[in-house]
């Protein structure tokens, strides 16, 4: 919209003004706390954690949220999505499955370094998961490749059912892709951004209401990530991946 405004500023000022207004409205709406939270919730709460998660033949952990051990980092770093590796290890230690499949490579031109599967394996081993219980898919670069590569592993091992661990925001698309590959996957989401407390805080006081109405760069990023998931579903469906 800003590019349209720039291109039409000297010839059609009404169109330039309209474009600037639309850009402003999109920016304000996208950085609004209510918009960001409800968009996130619409994806995250589609697969809430089961109160009694059943056992399975393996736990599949999708890569994300892990930065490689490169100087000056003393070890691998975990961001919010790094909860995936932690949750997968926790499920293993609870006896939910005898194997963990770590799935995720790394794009050379986007940070590079060892595959995410190797870094997730290091985290799991540090939490007490034996190396013999960890399998890796170190080459997948997107969710479709995660599912396709995991399918080869589960077929080779005769695995019938898996617990699928990924961020709650990412779970709806992931489940659909794994189902398309014929993998029986039970959702075991983690990395929830929206909790009951967050929803209560949106309307807890006049101060909270005011702050959530004001533009915020972090909220804009959350809106962007949620929209990316919805766009991803459309693109993946058009490509026949779900």
Protein backbone atom coordinates (compact mmCIF):
# COMPACT_ATOMS: atom_id res chain seq x y z
CA UNK A 1 0.00 0.00 0.00
CA UNK A 2 2.84 2.39 0.77
CA UNK A 3 4.46 1.58 -2.58
CA UNK A 4 1.15 2.33 -4.31
CA UNK A 5 0.96 5.62 -2.42
CA UNK A 6 4.50 6.51 -3.46
CA UNK A 7 3.81 5.68 -7.09
CA UNK A 8 0.56 7.68 -7.26
CA UNK A 9 1.41 10.61 -5.00
CA UNK A 10 1.93 13.10 -7.85
CA UNK A 11 -0.75 11.86 -10.25
CA UNK A 12 -3.66 10.56 -8.17
CA UNK A 13 -3.45 12.00 -4.72
CA UNK A 14 -6.78 10.52 -3.67
CA UNK A 15 -5.46 7.02 -4.43
CA UNK A 16 -2.23 7.74 -2.57
CA UNK A 17 -4.19 8.97 0.45
CA UNK A 18 -6.45 5.90 0.35
CA UNK A 19 -3.44 3.59 0.15
CA UNK A 20 -1.81 5.26 3.15
CA UNK A 21 -5.07 4.95 5.10
CA UNK A 22 -5.39 1.24 4.29
CA UNK A 23 -1.73 0.65 5.24
CA UNK A 24 -2.30 2.42 8.55
CA UNK A 25 -5.44 0.40 9.32
CA UNK A 26 -3.69 -2.89 8.51
CA UNK A 27 -0.72 -1.93 10.69
CA UNK A 28 -2.89 -0.86 13.62
CA UNK A 29 -5.14 -3.93 13.39
CA UNK A 30 -2.24 -6.36 13.01
CA UNK A 31 -0.42 -4.96 16.03
CA UNK A 32 -3.53 -5.01 18.22
CA UNK A 33 -3.42 -7.36 21.21
CA UNK A 34 -6.97 -8.64 20.71
CA UNK A 35 -6.40 -9.41 17.03
CA UNK A 36 -3.06 -11.16 17.60
CA UNK A 37 -4.33 -13.20 20.55
CA UNK A 38 -7.55 -14.35 18.88
CA UNK A 39 -5.73 -15.26 15.66
CA UNK A 40 -3.24 -17.33 17.64
CA UNK A 41 -5.98 -18.93 19.71
CA UNK A 42 -7.89 -19.94 16.56
CA UNK A 43 -4.96 -22.20 15.65
CA UNK A 44 -3.46 -23.18 19.00
CA UNK A 45 -6.71 -24.29 20.62
CA UNK A 46 -7.71 -26.65 17.81
CA UNK A 47 -5.66 -29.40 19.50
CA UNK A 48 -5.57 -28.87 23.24
CA UNK A 49 -3.43 -31.34 25.26
CA UNK A 50 -5.25 -34.56 26.10
CA UNK A 51 -5.81 -35.11 29.81
CA UNK A 52 -4.79 -38.74 29.38
CA UNK A 53 -2.35 -38.93 26.50
CA UNK A 54 -2.16 -42.54 25.24
CA UNK A 55 1.06 -44.45 24.69
CA UNK A 56 2.41 -44.86 21.17
CA UNK A 57 5.21 -46.62 19.31
CA UNK A 58 7.29 -43.45 18.90
CA UNK A 59 7.40 -39.73 19.63
CA UNK A 60 7.99 -37.49 16.60
CA UNK A 61 9.45 -34.06 17.38
CA UNK A 62 9.46 -31.50 14.58
CA UNK A 63 12.38 -29.10 14.38
CA UNK A 64 12.09 -25.44 15.26
CA UNK A 65 13.30 -22.91 17.78
CA UNK A 66 16.85 -24.24 18.15
CA UNK A 67 19.97 -22.26 17.28
CA UNK A 68 23.17 -24.24 16.65
CA UNK A 69 26.22 -24.26 18.89
CA UNK A 70 28.34 -21.72 17.05
CA UNK A 71 30.54 -19.07 18.71
CA UNK A 72 29.93 -17.25 20.93
CA UNK A 73 27.12 -19.62 22.01
CA UNK A 74 28.44 -22.10 24.61
CA UNK A 75 25.77 -24.65 23.67
CA UNK A 76 22.63 -24.91 21.56
CA UNK A 77 20.12 -22.14 22.30
CA UNK A 78 16.38 -22.65 22.65
CA UNK A 79 13.74 -20.07 21.77
CA UNK A 80 10.02 -20.47 22.54
CA UNK A 81 9.58 -23.15 19.87
CA UNK A 82 12.50 -25.02 21.44
CA UNK A 83 9.90 -26.33 23.91
CA UNK A 84 9.34 -29.07 21.32
CA UNK A 85 12.58 -30.86 22.20
CA UNK A 86 11.92 -30.45 25.93
CA UNK A 87 8.38 -31.76 25.65
CA UNK A 88 9.44 -34.73 23.53
CA UNK A 89 12.05 -35.71 26.12
CA UNK A 90 9.50 -35.30 28.91
CA UNK A 91 7.04 -37.61 27.14
CA UNK A 92 9.76 -40.22 26.69
CA UNK A 93 10.66 -40.09 30.37
CA UNK A 94 6.96 -40.52 31.20
CA UNK A 95 7.06 -43.80 29.30
CA UNK A 96 4.76 -42.65 26.50
CA UNK A 97 6.90 -44.31 23.79
CA UNK A 98 10.18 -46.24 23.54
CA UNK A 99 11.61 -44.10 20.70
CA UNK A 100 11.97 -40.44 19.79
CA UNK A 101 12.29 -39.38 16.15
CA UNK A 102 13.89 -35.95 15.82
CA UNK A 103 12.97 -34.43 12.45
CA UNK A 104 14.58 -31.32 10.99
CA UNK A 105 17.50 -30.20 8.88
CA UNK A 106 18.92 -26.74 8.48
CA UNK A 107 18.97 -24.40 5.48
CA UNK A 108 22.55 -23.50 4.52
CA UNK A 109 21.77 -19.91 3.59
CA UNK A 110 19.63 -19.37 6.69
CA UNK A 111 22.06 -19.74 9.57
CA UNK A 112 23.51 -23.11 8.54
CA UNK A 113 25.20 -25.38 11.04
CA UNK A 114 24.37 -28.93 12.14
CA UNK A 115 20.83 -30.20 11.45
CA UNK A 116 18.21 -29.33 14.01
CA UNK A 117 17.64 -33.03 14.59
CA UNK A 118 21.19 -33.34 15.99
CA UNK A 119 20.75 -30.32 18.25
CA UNK A 120 17.41 -31.63 19.52
CA UNK A 121 19.06 -34.98 20.18
CA UNK A 122 21.70 -33.22 22.30
CA UNK A 123 18.98 -31.54 24.34
CA UNK A 124 17.14 -34.84 24.82
CA UNK A 125 20.31 -36.64 25.91
CA UNK A 126 21.05 -33.85 28.39
CA UNK A 127 17.62 -34.50 29.88
CA UNK A 128 18.32 -38.20 30.32
CA UNK A 129 17.07 -39.77 27.09
CA UNK A 130 19.50 -42.54 26.01
CA UNK A 131 21.10 -42.17 22.60
CA UNK A 132 19.85 -45.63 21.65
CA UNK A 133 16.25 -44.36 21.88
CA UNK A 134 16.80 -41.44 19.48
CA UNK A 135 16.33 -41.63 15.72
CA UNK A 136 17.01 -38.71 13.39
CA UNK A 137 15.72 -37.26 10.14
CA UNK A 138 18.43 -34.64 9.44
CA UNK A 139 17.43 -33.54 5.93
CA UNK A 140 13.84 -32.22 6.01
CA UNK A 141 13.53 -28.48 5.41
CA UNK A 142 9.76 -27.99 5.71
CA UNK A 143 6.74 -29.68 7.27
CA UNK A 144 5.93 -31.72 4.18
CA UNK A 145 9.47 -33.15 4.14
CA UNK A 146 9.18 -33.81 7.90
CA UNK A 147 6.18 -36.04 7.26
CA UNK A 148 7.58 -37.69 4.12
CA UNK A 149 10.90 -38.56 5.79
CA UNK A 150 9.27 -39.70 9.02
CA UNK A 151 7.01 -41.97 6.96
CA UNK A 152 10.08 -43.81 5.66
CA UNK A 153 11.37 -44.29 9.20
CA UNK A 154 8.09 -45.55 10.65
CA UNK A 155 7.58 -47.95 7.74
CA UNK A 156 11.07 -49.38 8.18
CA UNK A 157 10.51 -49.82 11.91
CA UNK A 158 6.95 -51.11 11.67
CA UNK A 159 5.69 -48.21 13.77
CA UNK A 160 1.90 -47.98 13.74
CA UNK A 161 1.17 -44.89 15.82
CA UNK A 162 3.14 -41.82 16.91
CA UNK A 163 2.79 -38.90 19.26
CA UNK A 164 3.37 -35.73 17.24
CA UNK A 165 5.15 -32.93 19.09
CA UNK A 166 5.29 -29.44 17.64
CA UNK A 167 4.21 -25.92 18.55
CA UNK A 168 0.46 -25.56 19.10
CA UNK A 169 0.32 -22.92 16.35
CA UNK A 170 1.91 -25.35 13.90
CA UNK A 171 -0.11 -28.42 14.95
CA UNK A 172 -3.21 -28.10 12.68
CA UNK A 173 -1.13 -28.00 9.48
CA UNK A 174 1.27 -30.68 10.74
CA UNK A 175 -1.51 -33.11 11.66
CA UNK A 176 -3.13 -32.70 8.25
CA UNK A 177 0.15 -33.33 6.44
CA UNK A 178 0.97 -36.42 8.52
CA UNK A 179 -2.55 -37.76 7.92
CA UNK A 180 -2.07 -37.22 4.17
CA UNK A 181 1.07 -39.37 4.40
CA UNK A 182 -0.93 -42.11 6.10
CA UNK A 183 0.76 -41.71 9.49
CA UNK A 184 -1.48 -42.20 12.52
CA UNK A 185 -0.44 -39.24 14.67
CA UNK A 186 -1.81 -38.21 18.07
CA UNK A 187 -1.29 -34.49 18.77
CA UNK A 188 0.97 -33.66 21.70
CA UNK A 189 1.25 -29.87 21.31
CA UNK A 190 3.52 -27.57 23.26
CA UNK A 191 4.72 -23.95 23.06
CA UNK A 192 1.29 -22.42 23.73
CA UNK A 193 1.38 -18.65 23.49
CA UNK A 194 -2.27 -18.14 24.47
CA UNK A 195 -3.42 -19.40 27.87
CA UNK A 196 -6.59 -18.92 29.88
CA UNK A 197 -4.71 -16.31 31.88
CA UNK A 198 -3.80 -14.38 28.72
CA UNK A 199 -7.46 -14.25 27.70
CA UNK A 200 -8.47 -13.04 31.16
CA UNK A 201 -5.80 -10.34 31.09
CA UNK A 202 -7.17 -8.90 27.83
CA UNK A 203 -10.18 -7.60 29.75
CA UNK A 204 -8.88 -7.58 33.31
CA UNK A 205 -8.63 -3.80 33.67
CA UNK A 206 -8.87 -0.52 31.80
CA UNK A 207 -5.07 -0.42 31.71
CA UNK A 208 -4.88 -3.85 30.06
CA UNK A 209 -7.59 -2.90 27.58
CA UNK A 210 -5.74 0.29 26.64
CA UNK A 211 -2.38 -1.43 26.26
CA UNK A 212 -3.84 -4.16 24.04
CA UNK A 213 -5.49 -1.58 21.81
CA UNK A 214 -2.20 0.27 21.30
CA UNK A 215 0.11 -0.84 18.44
CA UNK A 216 2.86 -3.21 19.51
CA UNK A 217 5.63 -4.67 17.35
CA UNK A 218 5.58 -8.03 19.14
CA UNK A 219 1.84 -8.39 18.52
CA UNK A 220 2.44 -7.56 14.86
CA UNK A 221 4.93 -10.42 14.67
CA UNK A 222 2.39 -12.78 16.27
CA UNK A 223 -0.26 -11.77 13.76
CA UNK A 224 2.22 -12.34 10.96
CA UNK A 225 3.04 -15.84 12.20
CA UNK A 226 -0.63 -16.78 12.49
CA UNK A 227 -1.40 -15.49 9.00
CA UNK A 228 1.62 -17.39 7.70
CA UNK A 229 0.10 -20.63 9.03
CA UNK A 230 -3.22 -19.97 7.32
CA UNK A 231 -1.45 -19.08 4.07
CA UNK A 232 0.66 -22.23 4.45
CA UNK A 233 -2.49 -24.35 4.68
CA UNK A 234 -3.78 -22.87 1.44
CA UNK A 235 -0.46 -23.33 -0.37
CA UNK A 236 0.01 -26.88 0.92
CA UNK A 237 -3.53 -27.80 -0.12
CA UNK A 238 -2.95 -26.39 -3.61
CA UNK A 239 0.22 -28.49 -3.86
CA UNK A 240 -1.64 -31.61 -2.72
CA UNK A 241 0.34 -31.94 0.50
CA UNK A 242 -2.72 -31.95 2.78
